[in-house]
């Protein structure tokens, strides 16, 4: 993360250390409180009328970078198959013609630069209160206490003074999942096979780990398979979502 703020220049370390300390403290507090991550996902889907009539499928790999027989692809395909089962669809048995072919494509896009506003808490040190105290400093010849008034200062305190904001440049990656169902029949000459439904799911973040993010993308697709989203929708899905737990059964 590259900062566009003077305090993050190589010659200034205090604000950077303070920010790191604040982030670590927040992370520790989150762990103790049992916090979960919320993923922001964008979904866009289309569907032709009576798409629900197609329930059996065969799945095809449309990712040229992943071999069909690789463990990576098999894991992705199993996640999608589990999601399809949640919509009442099933994989056609061997030697049985499926109603449709579901093309599966997924991956990570090229790095993109984003400007983000970071808000950071600011704390100030407040000097302790100065006051006077009457204290015993000794005794006289008859054993009676001798008192003296002295000036003392209480320990300093730290107080929250508000937030400061600054712009940072971050590198993000788009993780994507594309499912496209087409009729499993020979198309007329010169015409493509008829599309039954499509679902496009994307998520942006600093992580480029598609394996970690794929269950989230697949889980977000469930409610839109075979449906028309009427444009792109932005949804939020937590790690604790029952849909994520459901699709992970296919891993």
C-alpha atoms as a PDB file:
ATOM      1  CA  UNK A   1       0.000   0.000   0.000  1.00  0.00           C
ATOM      2  CA  UNK A   2       1.558   3.281  -1.112  1.00  0.00           C
ATOM      3  CA  UNK A   3       0.476   6.403   0.735  1.00  0.00           C
ATOM      4  CA  UNK A   4      -0.166   9.733  -0.971  1.00  0.00           C
ATOM      5  CA  UNK A   5       0.257  11.540   2.338  1.00  0.00           C
ATOM      6  CA  UNK A   6       3.324  13.369   3.655  1.00  0.00           C
ATOM      7  CA  UNK A   7       3.287  11.457   6.918  1.00  0.00           C
ATOM      8  CA  UNK A   8       4.068   8.242   5.065  1.00  0.00           C
ATOM      9  CA  UNK A   9       7.234   9.518   3.452  1.00  0.00           C
ATOM     10  CA  UNK A  10      10.451   7.512   4.093  1.00  0.00           C
ATOM     11  CA  UNK A  11      11.653  10.115   6.569  1.00  0.00           C
ATOM     12  CA  UNK A  12       8.572   9.916   8.780  1.00  0.00           C
ATOM     13  CA  UNK A  13       7.841   6.717  10.688  1.00  0.00           C
ATOM     14  CA  UNK A  14       5.695   7.752  13.660  1.00  0.00           C
ATOM     15  CA  UNK A  15       2.327   8.033  11.833  1.00  0.00           C
ATOM     16  CA  UNK A  16       2.997   4.786  10.002  1.00  0.00           C
ATOM     17  CA  UNK A  17       3.842   2.972  13.220  1.00  0.00           C
ATOM     18  CA  UNK A  18       0.786   4.460  14.890  1.00  0.00           C
ATOM     19  CA  UNK A  19      -1.437   3.290  12.032  1.00  0.00           C
ATOM     20  CA  UNK A  20       0.051  -0.206  12.137  1.00  0.00           C
ATOM     21  CA  UNK A  21      -0.469  -0.312  15.877  1.00  0.00           C
ATOM     22  CA  UNK A  22      -4.086   0.783  15.475  1.00  0.00           C
ATOM     23  CA  UNK A  23      -4.691  -1.875  12.820  1.00  0.00           C
ATOM     24  CA  UNK A  24      -3.114  -4.577  14.949  1.00  0.00           C
ATOM     25  CA  UNK A  25      -5.175  -3.533  17.950  1.00  0.00           C
ATOM     26  CA  UNK A  26      -8.353  -3.588  15.856  1.00  0.00           C
ATOM     27  CA  UNK A  27      -7.465  -7.008  14.471  1.00  0.00           C
ATOM     28  CA  UNK A  28      -6.800  -8.383  17.949  1.00  0.00           C
ATOM     29  CA  UNK A  29     -10.085  -6.968  19.211  1.00  0.00           C
ATOM     30  CA  UNK A  30     -11.889  -8.488  16.243  1.00  0.00           C
ATOM     31  CA  UNK A  31     -10.423 -11.926  16.951  1.00  0.00           C
ATOM     32  CA  UNK A  32     -11.417 -11.726  20.617  1.00  0.00           C
ATOM     33  CA  UNK A  33     -14.926 -10.617  19.672  1.00  0.00           C
ATOM     34  CA  UNK A  34     -15.324 -13.355  17.068  1.00  0.00           C
ATOM     35  CA  UNK A  35     -15.708 -10.949  14.116  1.00  0.00           C
ATOM     36  CA  UNK A  36     -16.492 -12.215  10.626  1.00  0.00           C
ATOM     37  CA  UNK A  37     -15.520 -10.870   7.221  1.00  0.00           C
ATOM     38  CA  UNK A  38     -18.198  -9.383   4.991  1.00  0.00           C
ATOM     39  CA  UNK A  39     -17.539  -9.711   1.252  1.00  0.00           C
ATOM     40  CA  UNK A  40     -18.930  -7.208  -1.240  1.00  0.00           C
ATOM     41  CA  UNK A  41     -19.919  -9.033  -4.417  1.00  0.00           C
ATOM     42  CA  UNK A  42     -21.483  -7.848  -7.688  1.00  0.00           C
ATOM     43  CA  UNK A  43     -23.887 -10.145  -9.518  1.00  0.00           C
ATOM     44  CA  UNK A  44     -25.440  -9.782 -12.969  1.00  0.00           C
ATOM     45  CA  UNK A  45     -27.691 -12.485 -14.396  1.00  0.00           C
ATOM     46  CA  UNK A  46     -29.981 -13.070 -17.369  1.00  0.00           C
ATOM     47  CA  UNK A  47     -32.540 -15.768 -18.065  1.00  0.00           C
ATOM     48  CA  UNK A  48     -34.886 -16.684 -20.888  1.00  0.00           C
ATOM     49  CA  UNK A  49     -38.522 -17.618 -20.165  1.00  0.00           C
ATOM     50  CA  UNK A  50     -39.150 -21.124 -18.827  1.00  0.00           C
ATOM     51  CA  UNK A  51     -35.471 -21.556 -17.949  1.00  0.00           C
ATOM     52  CA  UNK A  52     -36.561 -23.605 -14.940  1.00  0.00           C
ATOM     53  CA  UNK A  53     -37.601 -26.421 -17.293  1.00  0.00           C
ATOM     54  CA  UNK A  54     -33.924 -27.260 -17.922  1.00  0.00           C
ATOM     55  CA  UNK A  55     -32.774 -29.164 -14.856  1.00  0.00           C
ATOM     56  CA  UNK A  56     -30.188 -31.700 -16.018  1.00  0.00           C
ATOM     57  CA  UNK A  57     -26.789 -30.498 -17.170  1.00  0.00           C
ATOM     58  CA  UNK A  58     -23.272 -31.356 -18.133  1.00  0.00           C
ATOM     59  CA  UNK A  59     -20.548 -28.955 -17.122  1.00  0.00           C
ATOM     60  CA  UNK A  60     -17.767 -27.713 -19.391  1.00  0.00           C
ATOM     61  CA  UNK A  61     -14.503 -25.997 -18.508  1.00  0.00           C
ATOM     62  CA  UNK A  62     -14.122 -22.625 -20.251  1.00  0.00           C
ATOM     63  CA  UNK A  63     -10.964 -21.581 -18.416  1.00  0.00           C
ATOM     64  CA  UNK A  64      -8.056 -22.102 -20.857  1.00  0.00           C
ATOM     65  CA  UNK A  65      -5.498 -21.738 -18.054  1.00  0.00           C
ATOM     66  CA  UNK A  66      -6.752 -24.717 -16.062  1.00  0.00           C
ATOM     67  CA  UNK A  67      -6.711 -28.323 -17.274  1.00  0.00           C
ATOM     68  CA  UNK A  68      -9.966 -30.295 -17.080  1.00  0.00           C
ATOM     69  CA  UNK A  69      -8.316 -33.061 -15.058  1.00  0.00           C
ATOM     70  CA  UNK A  70      -6.559 -30.764 -12.585  1.00  0.00           C
ATOM     71  CA  UNK A  71      -7.488 -30.790  -8.912  1.00  0.00           C
ATOM     72  CA  UNK A  72      -7.963 -27.022  -9.103  1.00  0.00           C
ATOM     73  CA  UNK A  73     -10.658 -27.322 -11.768  1.00  0.00           C
ATOM     74  CA  UNK A  74     -12.330 -30.319 -10.134  1.00  0.00           C
ATOM     75  CA  UNK A  75     -12.662 -28.364  -6.896  1.00  0.00           C
ATOM     76  CA  UNK A  76     -14.220 -25.402  -8.727  1.00  0.00           C
ATOM     77  CA  UNK A  77     -16.587 -27.670 -10.659  1.00  0.00           C
ATOM     78  CA  UNK A  78     -17.710 -29.398  -7.461  1.00  0.00           C
ATOM     79  CA  UNK A  79     -18.513 -26.045  -5.854  1.00  0.00           C
ATOM     80  CA  UNK A  80     -20.658 -25.105  -8.854  1.00  0.00           C
ATOM     81  CA  UNK A  81     -22.369 -28.493  -8.943  1.00  0.00           C
ATOM     82  CA  UNK A  82     -23.324 -28.054  -5.301  1.00  0.00           C
ATOM     83  CA  UNK A  83     -24.736 -24.604  -6.057  1.00  0.00           C
ATOM     84  CA  UNK A  84     -26.741 -25.990  -8.994  1.00  0.00           C
ATOM     85  CA  UNK A  85     -28.134 -28.704  -6.761  1.00  0.00           C
ATOM     86  CA  UNK A  86     -29.419 -25.937  -4.510  1.00  0.00           C
ATOM     87  CA  UNK A  87     -31.544 -24.802  -7.466  1.00  0.00           C
ATOM     88  CA  UNK A  88     -32.972 -28.279  -8.049  1.00  0.00           C
ATOM     89  CA  UNK A  89     -30.602 -29.128 -10.921  1.00  0.00           C
ATOM     90  CA  UNK A  90     -28.577 -32.297 -11.296  1.00  0.00           C
ATOM     91  CA  UNK A  91     -25.676 -33.565 -13.375  1.00  0.00           C
ATOM     92  CA  UNK A  92     -26.869 -35.886 -16.110  1.00  0.00           C
ATOM     93  CA  UNK A  93     -25.694 -39.506 -15.640  1.00  0.00           C
ATOM     94  CA  UNK A  94     -23.221 -40.983 -18.151  1.00  0.00           C
ATOM     95  CA  UNK A  95     -24.697 -41.822 -21.566  1.00  0.00           C
ATOM     96  CA  UNK A  96     -27.685 -39.591 -20.831  1.00  0.00           C
ATOM     97  CA  UNK A  97     -28.320 -36.421 -22.800  1.00  0.00           C
ATOM     98  CA  UNK A  98     -28.498 -33.401 -20.536  1.00  0.00           C
ATOM     99  CA  UNK A  99     -30.997 -30.581 -20.971  1.00  0.00           C
ATOM    100  CA  UNK A 100     -28.204 -28.025 -21.051  1.00  0.00           C
ATOM    101  CA  UNK A 101     -24.469 -27.449 -21.043  1.00  0.00           C
ATOM    102  CA  UNK A 102     -23.161 -25.202 -18.271  1.00  0.00           C
ATOM    103  CA  UNK A 103     -19.928 -23.455 -19.221  1.00  0.00           C
ATOM    104  CA  UNK A 104     -17.739 -22.613 -16.231  1.00  0.00           C
ATOM    105  CA  UNK A 105     -15.163 -19.838 -16.347  1.00  0.00           C
ATOM    106  CA  UNK A 106     -13.396 -18.284 -13.373  1.00  0.00           C
ATOM    107  CA  UNK A 107     -10.152 -16.558 -12.518  1.00  0.00           C
ATOM    108  CA  UNK A 108      -8.377 -13.368 -11.484  1.00  0.00           C
ATOM    109  CA  UNK A 109      -8.134 -10.217 -13.584  1.00  0.00           C
ATOM    110  CA  UNK A 110      -5.018  -8.058 -13.982  1.00  0.00           C
ATOM    111  CA  UNK A 111      -3.974  -5.750 -11.130  1.00  0.00           C
ATOM    112  CA  UNK A 112      -5.765  -2.402 -10.948  1.00  0.00           C
ATOM    113  CA  UNK A 113      -4.842   0.729  -9.035  1.00  0.00           C
ATOM    114  CA  UNK A 114      -7.449   2.322  -6.790  1.00  0.00           C
ATOM    115  CA  UNK A 115      -7.480   5.499  -4.702  1.00  0.00           C
ATOM    116  CA  UNK A 116      -9.001   4.969  -1.278  1.00  0.00           C
ATOM    117  CA  UNK A 117      -9.687   7.272   1.642  1.00  0.00           C
ATOM    118  CA  UNK A 118      -8.325   5.948   4.920  1.00  0.00           C
ATOM    119  CA  UNK A 119      -9.714   7.216   8.206  1.00  0.00           C
ATOM    120  CA  UNK A 120      -7.383   6.965  11.185  1.00  0.00           C
ATOM    121  CA  UNK A 121      -8.126   7.770  14.845  1.00  0.00           C
ATOM    122  CA  UNK A 122      -6.033  10.539  16.386  1.00  0.00           C
ATOM    123  CA  UNK A 123      -5.119  10.527  20.073  1.00  0.00           C
ATOM    124  CA  UNK A 124      -3.484  13.341  22.035  1.00  0.00           C
ATOM    125  CA  UNK A 125      -1.617  13.342  25.329  1.00  0.00           C
ATOM    126  CA  UNK A 126      -3.159  15.678  27.906  1.00  0.00           C
ATOM    127  CA  UNK A 127      -0.834  16.814  30.743  1.00  0.00           C
ATOM    128  CA  UNK A 128      -1.966  15.849  34.198  1.00  0.00           C
ATOM    129  CA  UNK A 129      -3.680  18.348  36.457  1.00  0.00           C
ATOM    130  CA  UNK A 130      -1.417  20.504  38.659  1.00  0.00           C
ATOM    131  CA  UNK A 131      -2.587  20.775  42.225  1.00  0.00           C
ATOM    132  CA  UNK A 132      -1.286  21.307  45.765  1.00  0.00           C
ATOM    133  CA  UNK A 133      -1.129  18.791  48.545  1.00  0.00           C
ATOM    134  CA  UNK A 134      -0.404  19.132  52.263  1.00  0.00           C
ATOM    135  CA  UNK A 135       2.030  16.428  53.218  1.00  0.00           C
ATOM    136  CA  UNK A 136       3.924  15.507  56.354  1.00  0.00           C
ATOM    137  CA  UNK A 137       7.618  16.224  55.990  1.00  0.00           C
ATOM    138  CA  UNK A 138       8.764  15.367  59.507  1.00  0.00           C
ATOM    139  CA  UNK A 139       8.130  15.826  63.233  1.00  0.00           C
ATOM    140  CA  UNK A 140       9.198  18.408  65.740  1.00  0.00           C
ATOM    141  CA  UNK A 141      11.083  17.819  68.981  1.00  0.00           C
ATOM    142  CA  UNK A 142       7.898  16.816  70.706  1.00  0.00           C
ATOM    143  CA  UNK A 143       6.954  14.300  68.051  1.00  0.00           C
ATOM    144  CA  UNK A 144       4.256  16.403  66.491  1.00  0.00           C
ATOM    145  CA  UNK A 145       3.935  16.170  62.678  1.00  0.00           C
ATOM    146  CA  UNK A 146       5.284  18.962  60.544  1.00  0.00           C
ATOM    147  CA  UNK A 147       3.322  19.634  57.339  1.00  0.00           C
ATOM    148  CA  UNK A 148       4.262  21.403  54.154  1.00  0.00           C
ATOM    149  CA  UNK A 149       2.247  22.355  51.093  1.00  0.00           C
ATOM    150  CA  UNK A 150       3.785  21.067  47.858  1.00  0.00           C
ATOM    151  CA  UNK A 151       2.826  21.246  44.202  1.00  0.00           C
ATOM    152  CA  UNK A 152       2.198  17.919  42.380  1.00  0.00           C
ATOM    153  CA  UNK A 153       1.085  16.973  38.889  1.00  0.00           C
ATOM    154  CA  UNK A 154      -1.156  14.004  38.054  1.00  0.00           C
ATOM    155  CA  UNK A 155       0.013  11.518  35.394  1.00  0.00           C
ATOM    156  CA  UNK A 156      -0.769  12.483  31.763  1.00  0.00           C
ATOM    157  CA  UNK A 157      -3.824  10.951  30.065  1.00  0.00           C
ATOM    158  CA  UNK A 158      -4.506   9.968  26.441  1.00  0.00           C
ATOM    159  CA  UNK A 159      -7.703  11.234  24.854  1.00  0.00           C
ATOM    160  CA  UNK A 160      -9.415  10.585  21.532  1.00  0.00           C
ATOM    161  CA  UNK A 161      -9.288  13.770  19.446  1.00  0.00           C
ATOM    162  CA  UNK A 162     -11.131  12.648  16.301  1.00  0.00           C
ATOM    163  CA  UNK A 163     -10.140  11.182  12.938  1.00  0.00           C
ATOM    164  CA  UNK A 164      -7.768  12.228  10.215  1.00  0.00           C
ATOM    165  CA  UNK A 165      -8.250  11.151   6.611  1.00  0.00           C
ATOM    166  CA  UNK A 166      -5.790  10.717   3.781  1.00  0.00           C
ATOM    167  CA  UNK A 167      -5.635   9.100   0.360  1.00  0.00           C
ATOM    168  CA  UNK A 168      -3.750   5.870  -0.312  1.00  0.00           C
ATOM    169  CA  UNK A 169      -3.124   3.963  -3.530  1.00  0.00           C
ATOM    170  CA  UNK A 170      -3.928   0.257  -3.367  1.00  0.00           C
ATOM    171  CA  UNK A 171      -3.571  -2.569  -5.862  1.00  0.00           C
ATOM    172  CA  UNK A 172      -6.728  -4.648  -6.208  1.00  0.00           C
ATOM    173  CA  UNK A 173      -7.646  -7.719  -8.219  1.00  0.00           C
ATOM    174  CA  UNK A 174     -11.011  -8.675  -9.635  1.00  0.00           C
ATOM    175  CA  UNK A 175     -11.986 -12.267  -8.962  1.00  0.00           C
ATOM    176  CA  UNK A 176     -14.692 -13.490 -11.299  1.00  0.00           C
ATOM    177  CA  UNK A 177     -17.042 -16.411 -11.877  1.00  0.00           C
ATOM    178  CA  UNK A 178     -19.032 -16.826 -15.091  1.00  0.00           C
ATOM    179  CA  UNK A 179     -21.686 -19.490 -15.537  1.00  0.00           C
ATOM    180  CA  UNK A 180     -23.457 -19.783 -18.866  1.00  0.00           C
ATOM    181  CA  UNK A 181     -26.109 -22.412 -19.628  1.00  0.00           C
ATOM    182  CA  UNK A 182     -26.967 -23.251 -23.238  1.00  0.00           C
ATOM    183  CA  UNK A 183     -29.357 -25.701 -24.828  1.00  0.00           C
ATOM    184  CA  UNK A 184     -27.810 -29.095 -25.370  1.00  0.00           C
ATOM    185  CA  UNK A 185     -28.864 -29.477 -28.980  1.00  0.00           C
ATOM    186  CA  UNK A 186     -27.263 -29.019 -32.357  1.00  0.00           C
ATOM    187  CA  UNK A 187     -27.631 -25.419 -33.434  1.00  0.00           C
ATOM    188  CA  UNK A 188     -28.842 -24.428 -36.849  1.00  0.00           C
ATOM    189  CA  UNK A 189     -26.091 -23.809 -39.336  1.00  0.00           C
ATOM    190  CA  UNK A 190     -24.401 -20.505 -38.709  1.00  0.00           C
ATOM    191  CA  UNK A 191     -26.240 -19.891 -35.434  1.00  0.00           C
ATOM    192  CA  UNK A 192     -24.918 -20.319 -31.883  1.00  0.00           C
ATOM    193  CA  UNK A 193     -26.672 -22.550 -29.401  1.00  0.00           C
ATOM    194  CA  UNK A 194     -29.465 -20.804 -27.529  1.00  0.00           C
ATOM    195  CA  UNK A 195     -28.490 -19.383 -24.151  1.00  0.00           C
ATOM    196  CA  UNK A 196     -30.819 -20.394 -21.306  1.00  0.00           C
ATOM    197  CA  UNK A 197     -29.307 -18.338 -18.506  1.00  0.00           C
ATOM    198  CA  UNK A 198     -26.072 -16.639 -17.481  1.00  0.00           C
ATOM    199  CA  UNK A 199     -24.621 -15.478 -14.165  1.00  0.00           C
ATOM    200  CA  UNK A 200     -21.604 -13.179 -13.804  1.00  0.00           C
ATOM    201  CA  UNK A 201     -20.178 -12.684 -10.305  1.00  0.00           C
ATOM    202  CA  UNK A 202     -17.222 -10.446  -9.431  1.00  0.00           C
ATOM    203  CA  UNK A 203     -15.447  -9.304  -6.289  1.00  0.00           C
ATOM    204  CA  UNK A 204     -12.584  -6.830  -5.853  1.00  0.00           C
ATOM    205  CA  UNK A 205      -9.914  -6.883  -3.170  1.00  0.00           C
ATOM    206  CA  UNK A 206      -6.202  -6.838  -2.464  1.00  0.00           C
ATOM    207  CA  UNK A 207      -6.092 -10.634  -2.354  1.00  0.00           C
ATOM    208  CA  UNK A 208      -5.583 -12.535  -5.602  1.00  0.00           C
ATOM    209  CA  UNK A 209      -6.261 -15.934  -4.045  1.00  0.00           C
ATOM    210  CA  UNK A 210      -9.045 -17.281  -6.274  1.00  0.00           C
ATOM    211  CA  UNK A 211      -9.248 -20.572  -4.383  1.00  0.00           C
ATOM    212  CA  UNK A 212     -10.087 -18.740  -1.159  1.00  0.00           C
ATOM    213  CA  UNK A 213     -12.618 -16.442  -2.845  1.00  0.00           C
ATOM    214  CA  UNK A 214     -14.314 -18.964  -5.144  1.00  0.00           C
ATOM    215  CA  UNK A 215     -16.708 -20.360  -2.480  1.00  0.00           C
ATOM    216  CA  UNK A 216     -17.880 -16.773  -1.859  1.00  0.00           C
ATOM    217  CA  UNK A 217     -18.480 -16.140  -5.574  1.00  0.00           C
ATOM    218  CA  UNK A 218     -20.295 -19.439  -6.043  1.00  0.00           C
ATOM    219  CA  UNK A 219     -22.433 -18.898  -2.937  1.00  0.00           C
ATOM    220  CA  UNK A 220     -23.402 -15.427  -4.198  1.00  0.00           C
ATOM    221  CA  UNK A 221     -24.570 -16.949  -7.500  1.00  0.00           C
ATOM    222  CA  UNK A 222     -27.109 -19.382  -6.014  1.00  0.00           C
ATOM    223  CA  UNK A 223     -30.070 -17.007  -5.789  1.00  0.00           C
ATOM    224  CA  UNK A 224     -29.489 -15.772  -9.356  1.00  0.00           C
ATOM    225  CA  UNK A 225     -29.060 -19.041 -11.259  1.00  0.00           C
ATOM    226  CA  UNK A 226     -31.870 -19.261 -13.802  1.00  0.00           C
ATOM    227  CA  UNK A 227     -33.144 -15.786 -12.906  1.00  0.00           C
ATOM    228  CA  UNK A 228     -32.939 -12.278 -14.342  1.00  0.00           C
ATOM    229  CA  UNK A 229     -31.334  -9.843 -11.893  1.00  0.00           C
ATOM    230  CA  UNK A 230     -32.669  -6.832 -13.830  1.00  0.00           C
ATOM    231  CA  UNK A 231     -29.208  -5.313 -13.933  1.00  0.00           C
ATOM    232  CA  UNK A 232     -26.117  -5.615 -11.764  1.00  0.00           C
ATOM    233  CA  UNK A 233     -26.740  -6.095  -8.048  1.00  0.00           C
ATOM    234  CA  UNK A 234     -24.330  -5.435  -5.193  1.00  0.00           C
ATOM    235  CA  UNK A 235     -24.711  -7.867  -2.326  1.00  0.00           C
ATOM    236  CA  UNK A 236     -22.882  -8.450   0.944  1.00  0.00           C
ATOM    237  CA  UNK A 237     -22.170 -11.938   2.142  1.00  0.00           C
ATOM    238  CA  UNK A 238     -20.491 -12.939   5.398  1.00  0.00           C
ATOM    239  CA  UNK A 239     -18.035 -15.777   5.946  1.00  0.00           C
ATOM    240  CA  UNK A 240     -20.630 -17.304   8.247  1.00  0.00           C
ATOM    241  CA  UNK A 241     -23.287 -17.372   5.492  1.00  0.00           C
ATOM    242  CA  UNK A 242     -25.202 -20.641   5.226  1.00  0.00           C
ATOM    243  CA  UNK A 243     -24.791 -20.467   1.424  1.00  0.00           C
ATOM    244  CA  UNK A 244     -20.989 -20.490   1.756  1.00  0.00           C
ATOM    245  CA  UNK A 245     -21.164 -23.429   4.170  1.00  0.00           C
ATOM    246  CA  UNK A 246     -23.483 -25.194   1.702  1.00  0.00           C
ATOM    247  CA  UNK A 247     -21.251 -24.874  -1.387  1.00  0.00           C
ATOM    248  CA  UNK A 248     -18.141 -25.829   0.602  1.00  0.00           C
ATOM    249  CA  UNK A 249     -19.645 -29.277   0.984  1.00  0.00           C
ATOM    250  CA  UNK A 250     -18.532 -29.764  -2.607  1.00  0.00           C
ATOM    251  CA  UNK A 251     -14.855 -29.044  -1.867  1.00  0.00           C
END
